[in-house]
Amino acid sequence: MRWQVIAILAAAHAFVLPRPKPQLRLRAEDDCVTAEECSAEAEVLKLQAETLKLEAQKAELLLAKEVAERQRRVREEEEALQAMAATEEASKVVDPAQAAALRDADFQAKVLERRDEASRKLVAEAAAEEAVVPIATEEVVKTVAGPVLISDCETAEECAVEEQSNKEEASLLSLEAEKLRLEAQKAELVLARQRLERTALSKQEAEAFIEGTLEPVVVEEEEEEEEEVVEVTPESVACEEALDSLFPAAPLTMTREAADMLRKTLFDDEKGFRCDAVDVCERGAIFRGSTRNQAAKDLLATCQAKVPQDYRLFALEDPVPPTDEEVEARLQDARDRALLDKDISDGSPDAPPNELMAAARRPTVIIAVASETRPLQIESKLGLATRLAGLVGTAGSAAAFSAAAGAGNEQLFERLKDGDESAFACVLPIAIGIFAILAVHECAHAVLARRGSVDWSLPVFLPSLSTGSLGASNELNEYAPSRSALFDTAIAGPLAGLALSILFVLIGSALPLDSATAPALPAIAIRSSALGSLLVAIGAPSALSAPPDVSVALHPLVVAGLAGLAINALALLPLGRTDGGRCALSAYGRTLGAGLQGFATLFVGLAALFGGDDLLLFHLLWVFGLQRDPESPCVDEVTDAEGRRPVYALALIVAGLCLLPLAPAAPSTVLPGFPSL
């Protein structure tokens, strides 16, 4: 029991949709693309150069002040040293009292000198603050009033030396400012050259792209090439994750340049799709915008007529999960429309039929991928040998199921153990009936696929000892053109198989039965299907009243029909990439269809766990192992599959009646003559 719990939890985790994570929407800053933007950028560089020049002049004045201050300090130190030397010499010839008086007088003179120096600094700082001239915002002032320096030079020679030093420092700063101005001019010229090269390159690529031969345009590059840095944005990450799930086998060939060319080629028409934004990754490009209340199939047809042969287009709902705020806004809009009794269509031909689907509907986008992109095919990698192995295995499991049904009859079982050929002939119709149901199932798929232009692969049959077979698995060799075509192809097989299974049960119940040669099934196995029990009761009413462990003799066609009911009912369940999963996707759209698949996975897992139904458990494990990947998108997944939802809902009800057991009840009133349960 523990391994069953682990398998169910793993399968449920694989199908339940993850909570959509809020996607941060940012726009990467690009280079200037117009002449006005480039001119504005050049003006900014000029202003920066003038600002640097003014700062250099200011630094020149400050440097001159600092040089003068340093020279003054040097002179003061020299004078102090000379005064100290004179004091020492005087102290040698005078008495100690006179020497002490001289030292006191010298100390007081230094104190007064320092006070005068502090006063001069305060006066200079105040003058500098009053002389500062602000720079205008529109016009750069080229003259700066700096602070007035107070020079302490006493002789003409000292003043000349100080002036010469200041001039040298000023010339160095002027050269630095001129260097910065020249660099700004160089940046402006480089920017203008890049703009001209980009304009010429765009014209050449556009002409080649329209002609259908996108040849590389050779552009002279600089000697020092810089490595191209691919900027990773939240939009590109979300685009890559979405396209990885939809087109896992798509070549990694899409570039930003190709996406821009597609945008100009496909969406320049004012009456077509209005493209507002483009998200690009290596697998493809997502074009977001407005359909202008036009049908998605018409827009797609118009775009496909203009798209180059290297690309293919899809009209889908936005695959990037919306944020919580966007979901709440859609729900609130749906509630408001419901309260105001307002039509949800607003003139759009692709509007959903009700408020719930309107809230779940995401915006329409156009997706472009490489033309070599094909749907994900698991069985195609296995080859023809696997298909033959599946067919042989199904034949063996159908034969084993037939023999097990014959073993329910003791007389027939003894003959089977003895190798009586006539006994094998009695159970052989069961295997033949199961294969007939499988053949009709696959033929219905093929007929509707041909009618709807759906490239449907050959089946891979799956063996099972519980019912003789678990049906077959099919893949899409090419993307389905529309949801309607995919729905019709997917549901045709299970409906045809159910119809033939019901016919087998009715015919077998009406045919005469030899209890000595007829196979038998336990009464509990018959009552495991509500619909099957009611059909069997027409010819064998004792099947409903017999004890659970008692075997009931049945016609071989009835046994084959009961197995066919289970096989086709399982195929209708909305799980993975089975027939039922494709029906859910086509009828309700990708968002609601995925939610329905998650709910069905949880329900089937609980039924298999607490109901002890090994058939449901093995079917769920098979789907989880091979067909849990999302279904490949249709070319036009926006156009609604009209009238298909009631059909699938009715088919699910029939499938539930086939899989749910008949509960004990009072005397039946469904058909007259039914015994008490």
Foldseek 3Di string as FASTA:
>chain_A
DVVLVVLLVVLLVLQADDDAAAFDDDDDDDDDQDPVVLVVVLVVLQVVLLVLLVVLVQVLVVVLLVVLVVVVVVVVVVVVVVLVVVLVVVPVVDDPVVSVVSVVVVVVVVVVVVVVVVVVVVVQVVQQVVQADDADPPDGDNDGGGTDHDGDDDDPVVVVVSVVVSVVSSVVSNVVSVVSNVVSVVVSVVSVVVNVVVVVLVVVQLVCVQVLHRDDDDDDDDPDDDDDDDDDDSLQVLVVVLCCQQFVPFAQQDDPVVVVSLCVQQPPDPQAFHFDDWHDGRFWIKTDGDGNLEDPVVNQVSRVVRHRLFKHKFKAFPSRDHHPVLLVVLLVVLVVCVVVVHDQSPNHPLQDPHSVLSSVTHGIIMIMGTNPTWWDDDVVVVDPVQLVVQVVQLLVLQLLLLLVLQVLQVLLVVCVVVVPPVSSVQSVVLSVLLVVLLVQLVVQLVVLCVVQVWQKADWRWAADNVLSTLHTDIATGHFRAELQSLLSNLLRRLVRSLVSLLVLLQVQLPDDDDSNRFGWDFLLVQQQFQVSVVSNCVRPLVSPVDPRRRIDGTHSSSSSSLSSLLNSLLQLQCEFPGSVVSNLCSQSNDRVSSNSRSVSSSVLSVCCVVVVDVVSSVSSSVCSVPGSRHGHHHRYRSRHNPPSVVVSVVSNVSSCNSRHGDDADAQDPPDPPRGHD
